[in-house]
Amino acid sequence: QVQLVESGGGLVQAGGSLRLSCAASGGTFSRYGMGWFRQAPGKQRDVVAALNWSGDTTYYADSVKGRFTISRDNAKNTVYLQMNNVKPEDTAVYYCAASTGYGPPRPKADEYDYWGQGTQVTVSS
């Protein structure tokens, strides 16, 4: 059983930056593909970015390409989401997720086995 705990959310002005972290415990972190998802009120949970088990292959939603960067540190059992040039439409609860097995980054929520509790990101205009 893997436990995921997100941190780093908060209030930021448009154009600013924020870095989210997700600390994993209870499993072999390097065996998991990782993803960041977000869910705004009244909307479905959508992928933001995903990363394969080794960290050398990434996937980004079109809306965040060039602004957000996903990375992982397997020695620290942590995955990060660096958010630059944020926009009001980035406001959402951000979730970290882990997917068992090797392979390419997974862009769909139903491909993930474990989820964190979420962290709120609010971007003011």
C-alpha atoms as a PDB file:
ATOM      1  CA  GLN A   1       0.000   0.000   0.000  1.00  0.00           C
ATOM      2  CA  VAL A   2       1.380   3.368  -1.033  1.00  0.00           C
ATOM      3  CA  GLN A   3       0.599   6.591   0.804  1.00  0.00           C
ATOM      4  CA  LEU A   4       0.953   9.897  -1.006  1.00  0.00           C
ATOM      5  CA  VAL A   5       1.044  13.292   0.674  1.00  0.00           C
ATOM      6  CA  GLU A   6       0.996  16.502  -1.346  1.00  0.00           C
ATOM      7  CA  SER A   7       2.302  19.838  -0.164  1.00  0.00           C
ATOM      8  CA  GLY A   8       3.165  23.236  -1.560  1.00  0.00           C
ATOM      9  CA  GLY A   9      -0.232  24.494  -2.590  1.00  0.00           C
ATOM     10  CA  GLY A  10      -1.485  27.968  -1.765  1.00  0.00           C
ATOM     11  CA  LEU A  11      -2.434  31.351  -3.137  1.00  0.00           C
ATOM     12  CA  VAL A  12      -0.308  32.850  -5.911  1.00  0.00           C
ATOM     13  CA  GLN A  13      -0.728  35.782  -8.256  1.00  0.00           C
ATOM     14  CA  ALA A  14      -1.086  35.261 -11.975  1.00  0.00           C
ATOM     15  CA  GLY A  15       2.330  35.081 -13.590  1.00  0.00           C
ATOM     16  CA  GLY A  16       3.918  33.723 -10.442  1.00  0.00           C
ATOM     17  CA  SER A  17       5.367  30.336  -9.604  1.00  0.00           C
ATOM     18  CA  LEU A  18       4.625  27.502  -7.227  1.00  0.00           C
ATOM     19  CA  ARG A  19       6.215  24.118  -6.635  1.00  0.00           C
ATOM     20  CA  LEU A  20       4.134  21.177  -5.486  1.00  0.00           C
ATOM     21  CA  SER A  21       5.690  18.155  -3.832  1.00  0.00           C
ATOM     22  CA  CYS A  22       4.323  14.676  -3.310  1.00  0.00           C
ATOM     23  CA  ALA A  23       6.037  12.417  -0.794  1.00  0.00           C
ATOM     24  CA  ALA A  24       5.454   8.688  -1.134  1.00  0.00           C
ATOM     25  CA  SER A  25       5.768   5.981   1.494  1.00  0.00           C
ATOM     26  CA  GLY A  26       4.860   2.344   1.931  1.00  0.00           C
ATOM     27  CA  GLY A  27       6.073   1.033  -1.397  1.00  0.00           C
ATOM     28  CA  THR A  28       9.002   0.903  -3.793  1.00  0.00           C
ATOM     29  CA  PHE A  29       8.705   4.370  -5.260  1.00  0.00           C
ATOM     30  CA  SER A  30      10.972   3.727  -8.245  1.00  0.00           C
ATOM     31  CA  ARG A  31       8.573   1.078  -9.541  1.00  0.00           C
ATOM     32  CA  TYR A  32       5.688   3.518  -9.952  1.00  0.00           C
ATOM     33  CA  GLY A  33       4.707   5.825 -12.730  1.00  0.00           C
ATOM     34  CA  MET A  34       3.581   9.121 -11.238  1.00  0.00           C
ATOM     35  CA  GLY A  35       1.100  11.750 -12.269  1.00  0.00           C
ATOM     36  CA  TRP A  36      -0.355  15.087 -11.250  1.00  0.00           C
ATOM     37  CA  PHE A  37      -4.049  15.701 -11.808  1.00  0.00           C
ATOM     38  CA  ARG A  38      -6.279  18.639 -10.993  1.00  0.00           C
ATOM     39  CA  GLN A  39      -9.950  19.164 -10.390  1.00  0.00           C
ATOM     40  CA  ALA A  40     -11.751  22.477 -10.396  1.00  0.00           C
ATOM     41  CA  PRO A  41     -15.216  22.858  -8.829  1.00  0.00           C
ATOM     42  CA  GLY A  42     -17.879  21.268 -10.996  1.00  0.00           C
ATOM     43  CA  LYS A  43     -15.350  19.782 -13.391  1.00  0.00           C
ATOM     44  CA  GLN A  44     -13.829  16.357 -13.885  1.00  0.00           C
ATOM     45  CA  ARG A  45     -10.370  15.399 -12.697  1.00  0.00           C
ATOM     46  CA  ASP A  46      -7.911  15.914 -15.530  1.00  0.00           C
ATOM     47  CA  VAL A  47      -4.279  15.039 -16.009  1.00  0.00           C
ATOM     48  CA  VAL A  48      -1.761  17.849 -15.719  1.00  0.00           C
ATOM     49  CA  ALA A  49       1.474  15.925 -16.166  1.00  0.00           C
ATOM     50  CA  ALA A  50       2.793  12.378 -15.874  1.00  0.00           C
ATOM     51  CA  LEU A  51       6.169  10.751 -15.544  1.00  0.00           C
ATOM     52  CA  ASN A  52       7.406   7.219 -16.076  1.00  0.00           C
ATOM     53  CA  TRP A  53       9.143   5.185 -13.381  1.00  0.00           C
ATOM     54  CA  SER A  54      12.664   6.334 -14.286  1.00  0.00           C
ATOM     55  CA  GLY A  55      11.808   9.966 -14.892  1.00  0.00           C
ATOM     56  CA  ASP A  56      13.092  10.114 -18.451  1.00  0.00           C
ATOM     57  CA  THR A  57       9.736  10.267 -20.222  1.00  0.00           C
ATOM     58  CA  THR A  58       7.055  12.852 -19.537  1.00  0.00           C
ATOM     59  CA  TYR A  59       3.563  13.754 -20.649  1.00  0.00           C
ATOM     60  CA  TYR A  60       1.907  17.162 -20.354  1.00  0.00           C
ATOM     61  CA  ALA A  61      -1.581  18.426 -20.950  1.00  0.00           C
ATOM     62  CA  ASP A  62      -1.614  20.988 -23.749  1.00  0.00           C
ATOM     63  CA  SER A  63      -2.815  23.673 -21.350  1.00  0.00           C
ATOM     64  CA  VAL A  64       0.366  23.501 -19.257  1.00  0.00           C
ATOM     65  CA  LYS A  65       3.057  22.724 -21.830  1.00  0.00           C
ATOM     66  CA  GLY A  66       5.951  25.143 -21.548  1.00  0.00           C
ATOM     67  CA  ARG A  67       4.801  26.348 -18.116  1.00  0.00           C
ATOM     68  CA  PHE A  68       4.798  23.287 -15.838  1.00  0.00           C
ATOM     69  CA  THR A  69       7.527  20.706 -15.268  1.00  0.00           C
ATOM     70  CA  ILE A  70       7.136  17.330 -13.602  1.00  0.00           C
ATOM     71  CA  SER A  71      10.154  15.632 -12.076  1.00  0.00           C
ATOM     72  CA  ARG A  72      10.986  12.966  -9.541  1.00  0.00           C
ATOM     73  CA  ASP A  73      13.713  12.159  -7.067  1.00  0.00           C
ATOM     74  CA  ASN A  74      13.660   8.430  -6.451  1.00  0.00           C
ATOM     75  CA  ALA A  75      16.208   8.759  -3.650  1.00  0.00           C
ATOM     76  CA  LYS A  76      13.760  11.002  -1.781  1.00  0.00           C
ATOM     77  CA  ASN A  77      10.587   9.157  -2.832  1.00  0.00           C
ATOM     78  CA  THR A  78       9.207  12.440  -4.065  1.00  0.00           C
ATOM     79  CA  VAL A  79       7.632  13.778  -7.232  1.00  0.00           C
ATOM     80  CA  TYR A  80       7.428  17.490  -7.988  1.00  0.00           C
ATOM     81  CA  LEU A  81       5.364  19.796 -10.132  1.00  0.00           C
ATOM     82  CA  GLN A  82       7.021  23.116 -10.881  1.00  0.00           C
ATOM     83  CA  MET A  83       4.373  25.588 -11.959  1.00  0.00           C
ATOM     84  CA  ASN A  84       5.559  28.759 -13.701  1.00  0.00           C
ATOM     85  CA  ASN A  85       3.618  31.624 -15.250  1.00  0.00           C
ATOM     86  CA  VAL A  86       0.450  30.411 -13.565  1.00  0.00           C
ATOM     87  CA  LYS A  87      -2.937  31.574 -14.759  1.00  0.00           C
ATOM     88  CA  PRO A  88      -6.321  31.935 -12.993  1.00  0.00           C
ATOM     89  CA  GLU A  89      -7.559  28.910 -14.934  1.00  0.00           C
ATOM     90  CA  ASP A  90      -4.914  26.816 -13.144  1.00  0.00           C
ATOM     91  CA  THR A  91      -6.945  27.192  -9.944  1.00  0.00           C
ATOM     92  CA  ALA A  92      -7.926  23.722  -8.724  1.00  0.00           C
ATOM     93  CA  VAL A  93      -7.230  21.013  -6.208  1.00  0.00           C
ATOM     94  CA  TYR A  94      -4.086  19.226  -7.354  1.00  0.00           C
ATOM     95  CA  TYR A  95      -3.694  15.506  -6.749  1.00  0.00           C
ATOM     96  CA  CYS A  96      -0.670  13.277  -6.907  1.00  0.00           C
ATOM     97  CA  ALA A  97      -1.172   9.703  -8.110  1.00  0.00           C
ATOM     98  CA  ALA A  98       0.884   6.530  -8.470  1.00  0.00           C
ATOM     99  CA  SER A  99       0.515   3.811 -11.056  1.00  0.00           C
ATOM    100  CA  THR A 100       2.034   0.360 -10.584  1.00  0.00           C
ATOM    101  CA  GLY A 101       4.232  -1.161 -13.237  1.00  0.00           C
ATOM    102  CA  TYR A 102       6.689   0.067 -15.809  1.00  0.00           C
ATOM    103  CA  GLY A 103       5.882   1.640 -19.139  1.00  0.00           C
ATOM    104  CA  PRO A 104       5.231   5.103 -20.544  1.00  0.00           C
ATOM    105  CA  PRO A 105       3.586   7.949 -18.628  1.00  0.00           C
ATOM    106  CA  ARG A 106      -0.116   7.359 -18.086  1.00  0.00           C
ATOM    107  CA  PRO A 107      -2.469  10.246 -18.915  1.00  0.00           C
ATOM    108  CA  LYS A 108      -5.732   8.743 -17.633  1.00  0.00           C
ATOM    109  CA  ALA A 109      -6.972   8.831 -14.062  1.00  0.00           C
ATOM    110  CA  ASP A 110      -8.289   5.265 -14.175  1.00  0.00           C
ATOM    111  CA  GLU A 111      -4.753   4.001 -14.844  1.00  0.00           C
ATOM    112  CA  TYR A 112      -3.640   5.028 -11.348  1.00  0.00           C
ATOM    113  CA  ASP A 113      -3.853   2.901  -8.238  1.00  0.00           C
ATOM    114  CA  TYR A 114      -3.053   5.316  -5.404  1.00  0.00           C
ATOM    115  CA  TRP A 115      -4.017   8.920  -4.763  1.00  0.00           C
ATOM    116  CA  GLY A 116      -3.067  11.669  -2.377  1.00  0.00           C
ATOM    117  CA  GLN A 117      -5.551  13.818  -0.524  1.00  0.00           C
ATOM    118  CA  GLY A 118      -4.985  16.854  -2.731  1.00  0.00           C
ATOM    119  CA  THR A 119      -3.648  20.358  -2.245  1.00  0.00           C
ATOM    120  CA  GLN A 120      -5.457  23.562  -3.192  1.00  0.00           C
ATOM    121  CA  VAL A 121      -3.873  25.942  -5.681  1.00  0.00           C
ATOM    122  CA  THR A 122      -5.532  29.309  -6.134  1.00  0.00           C
ATOM    123  CA  VAL A 123      -4.313  31.800  -8.717  1.00  0.00           C
ATOM    124  CA  SER A 124      -5.512  35.370  -8.358  1.00  0.00           C
ATOM    125  CA  SER A 125      -5.767  37.705 -11.329  1.00  0.00           C
END
